[in-house]
Protein backbone atom coordinates (compact mmCIF):
# COMPACT_ATOMS: atom_id res chain seq x y z
CA UNK A 1 56.06 158.04 53.64
CA UNK A 2 53.49 156.29 53.24
CA UNK A 3 51.73 154.38 56.41
CA UNK A 4 53.38 150.89 56.86
CA UNK A 5 50.50 149.67 59.72
CA UNK A 6 47.30 150.15 59.88
CA UNK A 7 46.55 151.04 56.45
CA UNK A 8 42.61 149.66 56.45
CA UNK A 9 39.61 151.53 57.52
CA UNK A 10 36.91 150.20 58.71
CA UNK A 11 34.74 151.66 56.51
CA UNK A 12 37.34 150.55 53.36
CA UNK A 13 37.21 146.71 55.06
CA UNK A 14 33.60 146.94 54.41
CA UNK A 15 33.57 148.30 50.76
CA UNK A 16 36.34 145.28 49.85
CA UNK A 17 34.13 143.24 47.45
CA UNK A 18 36.74 142.22 45.23
CA UNK A 19 38.36 138.22 45.90
CA UNK A 20 41.66 138.77 46.85
CA UNK A 21 44.18 140.29 49.96
CA UNK A 22 44.32 143.87 51.23
CA UNK A 23 47.35 144.38 53.70
CA UNK A 24 46.98 146.67 56.80
CA UNK A 25 50.06 146.64 57.48
CA UNK A 26 52.82 144.03 59.70
CA UNK A 27 51.48 141.16 58.15
CA UNK A 28 48.01 141.56 58.62
CA UNK A 29 45.61 140.89 55.78
CA UNK A 30 41.95 141.02 55.13
CA UNK A 31 41.31 138.02 52.87
CA UNK A 32 38.23 138.52 50.54
CA UNK A 33 37.40 134.62 48.92
CA UNK A 34 35.83 133.54 45.96
CA UNK A 35 32.10 133.78 47.79
CA UNK A 36 33.17 137.03 48.73
CA UNK A 37 33.49 136.01 52.69
CA UNK A 38 35.76 138.43 54.53
CA UNK A 39 38.52 136.70 57.22
CA UNK A 40 41.88 137.99 58.60
CA UNK A 41 45.23 136.34 57.93
CA UNK A 42 48.51 137.29 59.10
CA UNK A 43 51.28 136.74 56.90
CA UNK A 44 54.96 135.87 58.31
CA UNK A 45 57.87 134.67 57.40
CA UNK A 46 60.30 131.85 59.21
CA UNK A 47 63.50 130.94 57.89
CA UNK A 48 62.95 130.78 54.29
CA UNK A 49 59.15 129.19 54.32
CA UNK A 50 56.08 131.64 54.45
CA UNK A 51 53.14 131.14 56.01
CA UNK A 52 49.92 132.38 56.73
CA UNK A 53 47.87 131.73 59.62
CA UNK A 54 44.39 132.35 60.21
CA UNK A 55 42.57 134.99 62.77
CA UNK A 56 39.01 134.59 62.34
CA UNK A 57 36.10 135.80 60.38
CA UNK A 58 35.55 139.48 59.79
CA UNK A 59 31.83 138.63 61.57
CA UNK A 60 33.34 137.79 64.55
CA UNK A 61 36.43 139.61 64.71
CA UNK A 62 36.78 142.88 63.69
CA UNK A 63 39.73 145.09 62.65
CA UNK A 64 40.84 146.49 65.85
CA UNK A 65 40.77 143.28 67.73
CA UNK A 66 42.82 141.68 64.40
CA UNK A 67 45.29 144.57 64.88
CA UNK A 68 45.77 143.38 68.67
CA UNK A 69 45.65 139.99 67.43
CA UNK A 70 48.11 140.35 64.69
CA UNK A 71 50.77 142.76 67.40
CA UNK A 72 50.37 139.56 69.79
CA UNK A 73 51.87 137.24 66.52
CA UNK A 74 54.52 139.77 65.73
CA UNK A 75 55.51 139.54 69.45
CA UNK A 76 55.87 135.80 69.79
CA UNK A 77 58.10 136.09 66.09
CA UNK A 78 60.38 138.59 68.05
CA UNK A 79 60.17 136.35 70.50
CA UNK A 80 61.46 133.29 68.03
CA UNK A 81 58.16 131.47 68.58
CA UNK A 82 56.09 130.29 65.65
CA UNK A 83 52.27 131.58 66.21
CA UNK A 84 50.81 128.90 64.88
CA UNK A 85 53.14 126.28 66.61
CA UNK A 86 51.91 128.36 69.58
CA UNK A 87 48.35 128.59 68.74
CA UNK A 88 48.45 124.45 68.30
CA UNK A 89 49.74 123.87 71.75
CA UNK A 90 47.10 126.43 73.58
CA UNK A 91 44.58 124.46 71.98
CA UNK A 92 46.10 120.70 72.60
CA UNK A 93 45.91 122.23 76.51
CA UNK A 94 42.75 123.25 76.53
CA UNK A 95 41.72 119.66 74.81
CA UNK A 96 43.73 118.06 77.51
CA UNK A 97 42.43 120.12 80.00
CA UNK A 98 38.75 119.68 79.30
CA UNK A 99 39.24 116.04 79.04
CA UNK A 100 41.06 115.83 81.91
CA UNK A 101 37.25 117.81 83.31
CA UNK A 102 35.72 115.43 85.46
CA UNK A 103 33.45 116.50 88.53
CA UNK A 104 32.72 115.84 91.89
CA UNK A 105 29.68 113.20 91.82
CA UNK A 106 31.44 111.53 88.99
CA UNK A 107 34.90 111.16 90.61
CA UNK A 108 32.46 110.02 93.77
CA UNK A 109 31.17 107.51 91.61
CA UNK A 110 34.17 106.51 90.27
CA UNK A 111 36.12 106.24 94.08
CA UNK A 112 33.21 104.11 95.08
CA UNK A 113 33.70 101.62 92.30
CA UNK A 114 37.53 101.12 92.94
CA UNK A 115 37.42 100.25 96.32
CA UNK A 116 34.16 98.70 96.13
CA UNK A 117 36.13 95.53 96.42
CA UNK A 118 37.74 95.88 99.61
CA UNK A 119 34.77 97.04 101.28
CA UNK A 120 32.66 94.43 103.14
CA UNK A 121 29.45 94.22 101.66
CA UNK A 122 27.39 96.24 99.36
CA UNK A 123 25.54 98.56 102.34
CA UNK A 124 29.11 100.19 102.74
CA UNK A 125 29.61 101.31 99.57
CA UNK A 126 25.35 102.04 99.22
CA UNK A 127 26.95 104.76 102.61
CA UNK A 128 29.20 106.31 100.71
CA UNK A 129 26.97 107.62 98.10
CA UNK A 130 24.51 108.40 100.25
CA UNK A 131 26.46 110.36 102.28
CA UNK A 132 28.10 112.01 99.42
CA UNK A 133 24.59 112.91 97.20
CA UNK A 134 23.14 113.82 101.07
CA UNK A 135 25.70 116.68 101.60
CA UNK A 136 27.90 117.54 98.81
CA UNK A 137 26.23 117.05 96.05
CA UNK A 138 24.42 119.93 96.35
CA UNK A 139 26.58 122.01 97.34
CA UNK A 140 29.58 121.19 94.52
CA UNK A 141 28.69 117.81 93.16
CA UNK A 142 27.75 118.98 89.29
CA UNK A 143 31.05 121.16 89.76
CA UNK A 144 34.20 120.51 88.28
CA UNK A 145 36.29 118.57 91.03
CA UNK A 146 39.28 120.79 89.63
CA UNK A 147 37.20 123.52 91.20
CA UNK A 148 36.44 122.21 94.76
CA UNK A 149 38.29 124.87 97.32
CA UNK A 150 37.92 125.26 101.32
CA UNK A 151 34.54 127.70 100.92
CA UNK A 152 32.98 125.31 99.21
CA UNK A 153 33.69 121.90 101.50
CA UNK A 154 33.09 124.36 104.70
CA UNK A 155 29.02 125.18 103.26
CA UNK A 156 28.63 121.29 102.78
CA UNK A 157 30.02 120.48 106.31
CA UNK A 158 29.09 123.86 108.89
CA UNK A 159 24.77 122.76 108.41
CA UNK A 160 26.11 119.40 109.91
CA UNK A 161 28.70 119.52 111.93
CA UNK A 162 26.66 120.11 115.17
CA UNK A 163 24.09 119.05 114.64
CA UNK A 164 25.15 115.44 113.24
CA UNK A 165 28.51 115.37 114.26
CA UNK A 166 28.98 111.34 113.42
CA UNK A 167 27.77 112.18 109.59
CA UNK A 168 29.45 115.15 109.75
CA UNK A 169 33.01 113.24 110.23
CA UNK A 170 32.44 110.59 108.31
CA UNK A 171 31.17 113.08 105.48
CA UNK A 172 34.72 115.01 105.81
CA UNK A 173 36.78 112.13 105.76
CA UNK A 174 35.26 110.77 102.64
CA UNK A 175 35.41 114.02 100.76
CA UNK A 176 38.87 114.14 101.92
CA UNK A 177 38.88 110.86 100.26
CA UNK A 178 37.47 111.37 96.93
CA UNK A 179 39.58 114.42 96.14
CA UNK A 180 42.74 112.60 97.13
CA UNK A 181 41.98 110.41 94.50
CA UNK A 182 40.93 113.11 91.91
CA UNK A 183 44.79 114.44 92.61
CA UNK A 184 46.37 110.81 91.82
CA UNK A 185 44.42 110.28 88.87
CA UNK A 186 44.94 114.09 87.46
CA UNK A 187 41.92 115.49 87.33
CA UNK A 188 42.84 118.49 90.05
CA UNK A 189 45.80 119.47 91.67
CA UNK A 190 46.97 121.55 94.87
CA UNK A 191 46.62 120.78 98.22
CA UNK A 192 43.28 118.66 99.56
CA UNK A 193 41.13 121.55 101.07
CA UNK A 194 38.98 118.98 103.24
CA UNK A 195 42.17 117.77 104.88
CA UNK A 196 41.37 118.64 108.51
CA UNK A 197 45.08 118.44 109.87
CA UNK A 198 46.81 121.48 109.86
CA UNK A 199 43.68 122.80 107.83
CA UNK A 200 39.55 122.49 108.59
CA UNK A 201 41.47 122.14 112.03
CA UNK A 202 42.11 125.49 112.14
CA UNK A 203 38.31 126.19 110.73
CA UNK A 204 35.81 123.86 112.45
CA UNK A 205 35.58 122.92 116.38
CA UNK A 206 36.53 119.75 117.03
CA UNK A 207 34.11 117.11 117.56
CA UNK A 208 36.12 114.90 120.34
CA UNK A 209 33.95 116.77 122.83
CA UNK A 210 30.60 117.23 121.00
CA UNK A 211 30.27 113.65 119.44
CA UNK A 212 28.84 111.24 121.84
CA UNK A 213 28.14 107.56 121.20
CA UNK A 214 24.62 106.97 120.86
CA UNK A 215 23.59 103.24 121.95
CA UNK A 216 21.01 101.78 120.15
CA UNK A 217 18.16 101.51 121.89
CA UNK A 218 17.51 97.82 123.54
CA UNK A 219 16.02 95.96 125.83
CA UNK A 220 16.14 95.36 129.53
CA UNK A 221 16.78 91.24 129.29
CA UNK A 222 13.78 91.12 132.11
CA UNK A 223 11.79 91.95 129.83
CA UNK A 224 12.93 89.34 127.04
CA UNK A 225 10.39 87.31 127.97
CA UNK A 226 7.25 89.20 127.88
CA UNK A 227 8.50 90.51 124.32
CA UNK A 228 8.84 87.60 122.97
CA UNK A 229 5.51 85.66 123.51
CA UNK A 230 4.43 89.08 121.96
CA UNK A 231 6.40 88.57 118.95
CA UNK A 232 5.34 85.17 118.25
CA UNK A 233 1.94 86.97 118.20
CA UNK A 234 2.63 88.54 115.42
CA UNK A 235 2.21 87.02 111.68
CA UNK A 236 4.50 87.33 108.96
CA UNK A 237 7.97 86.55 107.90
CA UNK A 238 9.69 89.40 109.27
CA UNK A 239 8.90 88.67 112.30
CA UNK A 240 9.90 84.88 112.23
CA UNK A 241 13.88 87.11 111.49
CA UNK A 242 13.71 88.96 114.10
CA UNK A 243 13.14 86.51 116.72
CA UNK A 244 16.35 84.21 114.97
CA UNK A 245 18.22 87.48 115.15
CA UNK A 246 17.76 87.74 118.57
CA UNK A 247 18.29 84.04 119.68
CA UNK A 248 21.44 83.99 117.60
CA UNK A 249 22.50 88.06 118.15
CA UNK A 250 23.32 88.18 114.46
CA UNK A 251 22.74 91.42 112.85
CA UNK A 252 20.48 92.74 110.87
CA UNK A 253 21.86 91.92 107.60
CA UNK A 254 23.31 88.97 108.86
CA UNK A 255 19.46 87.50 109.38
CA UNK A 256 18.20 88.94 106.33
CA UNK A 257 20.57 87.94 104.23
CA UNK A 258 20.67 84.45 104.85
CA UNK A 259 20.61 81.21 102.52
CA UNK A 260 19.58 78.22 103.43
CA UNK A 261 23.14 76.90 101.51
CA UNK A 262 24.96 78.11 105.20
CA UNK A 263 23.04 75.90 107.59
CA UNK A 264 23.61 72.11 108.48
CA UNK A 265 20.32 72.19 110.38
CA UNK A 266 21.15 68.75 111.38
CA UNK A 267 23.86 69.54 113.22
CA UNK A 268 22.48 72.45 114.11
CA UNK A 269 25.12 74.91 113.01
CA UNK A 270 24.69 78.07 111.06
CA UNK A 271 27.86 79.21 108.86
CA UNK A 272 27.97 82.56 107.60
CA UNK A 273 30.61 83.18 105.08
CA UNK A 274 33.08 86.08 105.86
CA UNK A 275 31.99 88.42 102.94
CA UNK A 276 28.69 88.96 104.98
CA UNK A 277 29.89 89.28 107.79
CA UNK A 278 31.66 92.98 109.28
CA UNK A 279 34.87 91.50 110.28
CA UNK A 280 35.05 89.93 107.00
CA UNK A 281 35.72 86.71 108.98
CA UNK A 282 33.14 83.05 108.39
CA UNK A 283 30.77 82.77 111.71
CA UNK A 284 30.17 79.46 113.21
CA UNK A 285 26.52 80.22 115.12
CA UNK A 286 25.13 77.62 117.26
CA UNK A 287 21.11 76.93 116.90
CA UNK A 288 19.14 76.64 119.93
CA UNK A 289 16.16 74.26 119.72
CA UNK A 290 13.84 77.06 118.89
CA UNK A 291 16.21 78.89 116.32
CA UNK A 292 15.99 75.25 114.63
CA UNK A 293 12.34 74.79 114.83
CA UNK A 294 11.77 78.17 113.57
CA UNK A 295 14.03 76.95 110.39
CA UNK A 296 12.38 74.07 110.01
CA UNK A 297 8.53 76.18 109.85
CA UNK A 298 10.13 78.05 107.02
CA UNK A 299 11.51 75.47 105.45
CA UNK A 300 7.94 74.11 104.42
CA UNK A 301 6.66 77.14 103.59
CA UNK A 302 9.22 78.72 101.46
CA UNK A 303 11.15 77.00 98.89
CA UNK A 304 13.60 80.15 98.06
CA UNK A 305 18.06 80.62 98.36
CA UNK A 306 16.62 83.00 100.62
CA UNK A 307 15.94 82.01 104.26
CA UNK A 308 14.08 84.78 104.62
CA UNK A 309 13.06 85.84 101.36
CA UNK A 310 11.92 89.52 100.07
CA UNK A 311 8.75 90.79 98.07
CA UNK A 312 11.31 90.78 94.75
CA UNK A 313 11.98 87.74 93.24
CA UNK A 314 15.50 86.29 94.20
CA UNK A 315 15.74 89.35 96.78
CA UNK A 316 16.23 88.42 100.58
CA UNK A 317 13.81 90.51 103.25
CA UNK A 318 14.31 94.67 102.85
CA UNK A 319 16.97 95.48 106.20
CA UNK A 320 14.33 97.68 107.71
CA UNK A 321 11.27 95.13 107.66
CA UNK A 322 12.26 93.41 111.48
CA UNK A 323 12.41 98.03 112.58
CA UNK A 324 8.62 97.22 111.38
CA UNK A 325 7.82 94.48 113.03
CA UNK A 326 8.77 96.60 115.96
CA UNK A 327 6.96 99.54 114.98
CA UNK A 328 3.66 97.60 114.54
CA UNK A 329 4.38 95.94 118.43
CA UNK A 330 3.52 99.51 119.41
CA UNK A 331 8.03 99.25 120.40
CA UNK A 332 9.71 102.33 118.56
CA UNK A 333 11.60 102.62 121.76
CA UNK A 334 13.55 99.21 120.51
CA UNK A 335 16.03 98.76 117.68
CA UNK A 336 16.90 95.36 116.60
CA UNK A 337 20.53 96.42 116.87
CA UNK A 338 19.58 96.75 120.66
CA UNK A 339 18.59 93.25 121.54
CA UNK A 340 22.06 92.46 120.68
CA UNK A 341 23.30 94.94 123.79
CA UNK A 342 20.51 92.86 125.77
CA UNK A 343 21.90 89.64 124.91
CA UNK A 344 25.40 90.87 125.87
CA UNK A 345 23.96 92.40 129.19
CA UNK A 346 22.26 89.37 129.95
CA UNK A 347 25.76 86.83 129.60
CA UNK A 348 27.40 89.66 132.31
CA UNK A 349 24.63 89.99 134.86
CA UNK A 350 23.18 86.61 135.01
CA UNK A 351 25.57 84.11 134.13
CA UNK A 352 29.43 83.38 133.95
CA UNK A 353 30.84 82.59 130.98
CA UNK A 354 33.76 84.28 130.04
CA UNK A 355 34.22 87.30 128.19
CA UNK A 356 36.19 85.82 125.08
CA UNK A 357 32.82 83.73 124.84
CA UNK A 358 30.34 86.06 124.91
CA UNK A 359 32.67 88.85 122.29
CA UNK A 360 32.89 85.26 120.29
CA UNK A 361 29.00 85.03 120.52
CA UNK A 362 28.66 88.72 118.86
CA UNK A 363 31.56 88.17 116.33
CA UNK A 364 33.33 91.03 117.52
CA UNK A 365 36.81 91.71 116.71
CA UNK A 366 39.58 90.08 119.59
CA UNK A 367 40.92 94.52 119.80
CA UNK A 368 43.97 92.68 121.78
CA UNK A 369 46.33 91.97 118.39
CA UNK A 370 48.79 89.25 120.90
CA UNK A 371 45.35 87.43 122.31
CA UNK A 372 43.76 87.80 118.21
CA UNK A 373 47.53 86.08 117.33
CA UNK A 374 47.26 83.12 119.69
CA UNK A 375 43.44 82.43 119.45
CA UNK A 376 42.41 79.08 116.87
CA UNK A 377 39.22 78.11 118.17
CA UNK A 378 35.77 79.88 117.95
CA UNK A 379 35.00 78.43 121.21
CA UNK A 380 32.14 76.75 119.84
CA UNK A 381 30.91 74.22 122.03
CA UNK A 382 31.04 76.75 124.71
CA UNK A 383 29.20 78.77 122.89
CA UNK A 384 26.32 76.10 121.87
CA UNK A 385 25.55 75.94 125.59
CA UNK A 386 25.57 79.73 125.79
CA UNK A 387 23.03 79.79 123.17
CA UNK A 388 20.84 77.20 124.58
CA UNK A 389 20.71 79.13 128.13
CA UNK A 390 19.68 82.23 126.37
CA UNK A 391 16.88 80.23 123.90
CA UNK A 392 15.71 79.26 127.34
CA UNK A 393 15.69 83.12 129.10
CA UNK A 394 13.93 84.23 126.00
CA UNK A 395 11.27 81.79 126.43
CA UNK A 396 11.05 82.45 130.20
CA UNK A 397 12.23 79.23 131.11
CA UNK A 398 12.68 79.40 135.09
CA UNK A 399 15.86 77.63 134.89
CA UNK A 400 17.64 79.77 132.92
CA UNK A 401 18.17 82.88 135.89
CA UNK A 402 20.72 81.13 137.46
CA UNK A 403 24.78 81.01 137.31
CA UNK A 404 26.45 78.85 134.67
CA UNK A 405 28.97 76.63 135.64
CA UNK A 406 31.98 76.02 132.90
CA UNK A 407 33.49 73.39 134.95
CA UNK A 408 34.24 70.68 132.73
CA UNK A 409 31.62 68.40 132.05
CA UNK A 410 29.17 69.84 132.99
């Protein structure tokens, strides 16, 4: 009886030269084209229609592999599946999977772009990007976000988990957020390997005991007069910015980003818009006579939208510029932000201004929801007196060590 399958041999396949179809059996054919190229064809009939399905060129698919592929096609037909349609669906699925593939770094960038509008400032977005680039990027930034698993997340977290606990905590939260975003967008599926509850909680020690609040290095307020005298001897616009930041108890970003349009020098008011405030709310700052003097000197020197212009045209002073002043003064033991603590300590120990006045001067958010709901004013008049006292204290005035009364009319 003639063999119905495996009629061809490797030698026979190599010897075929004439154009045509040479049956191996079971629907498998060797096709020799007019150009003498050779390929494999699977021929099958469904209903009343005969179709040819290409299985690949001979130089890529050998006889043995062609038979395996033909057998797979026959199995599909037995199951009632058109092998060409099955192949097309598989290719479409692979194309879709490829189109959906996105590396973690690209997902992180897209997440930051999507949420940038709700964040307070560009610095916050930059911090997100920097943290992920520095710690997650080298480990799995280049990998498909769908392939990020628990072991990769741990490789990014473990080196800094106890060494830099605060950074590690932020990093975990940011990886978690990016992976959640990628899941919702369809770039990955399954549980989030960066989640804490019920997952990393079992693999990493809790940071609650290990984490300690690091206070910004602050100058004891009794040394403020000597420090300010030394500061005024420093040349440069950054030194003037630092003194204004101290006198107004404002944050670094609020000071260096100040624009002339925010100031009413006639009324002695600096109005910082909400988009530049940590709280997101507008903050009015009363200006002491010394603060106004600094600003008036600057207006005669600089014509620029920014009060403290940077080296690049149209850009403000760098946020690191005031820290550089401290370094030049040999005060690497201090931080710019620490002067806000110096101010707060002074208000507590040398004045009897109510807590809410002092906190409002620092633009701190009211923690008590009920109090916040009923607070309508910003205690500006009281704060004006407070900031004037602070300026005199910083100037070394003998009058500022006294307890300040808040009785009406004083």
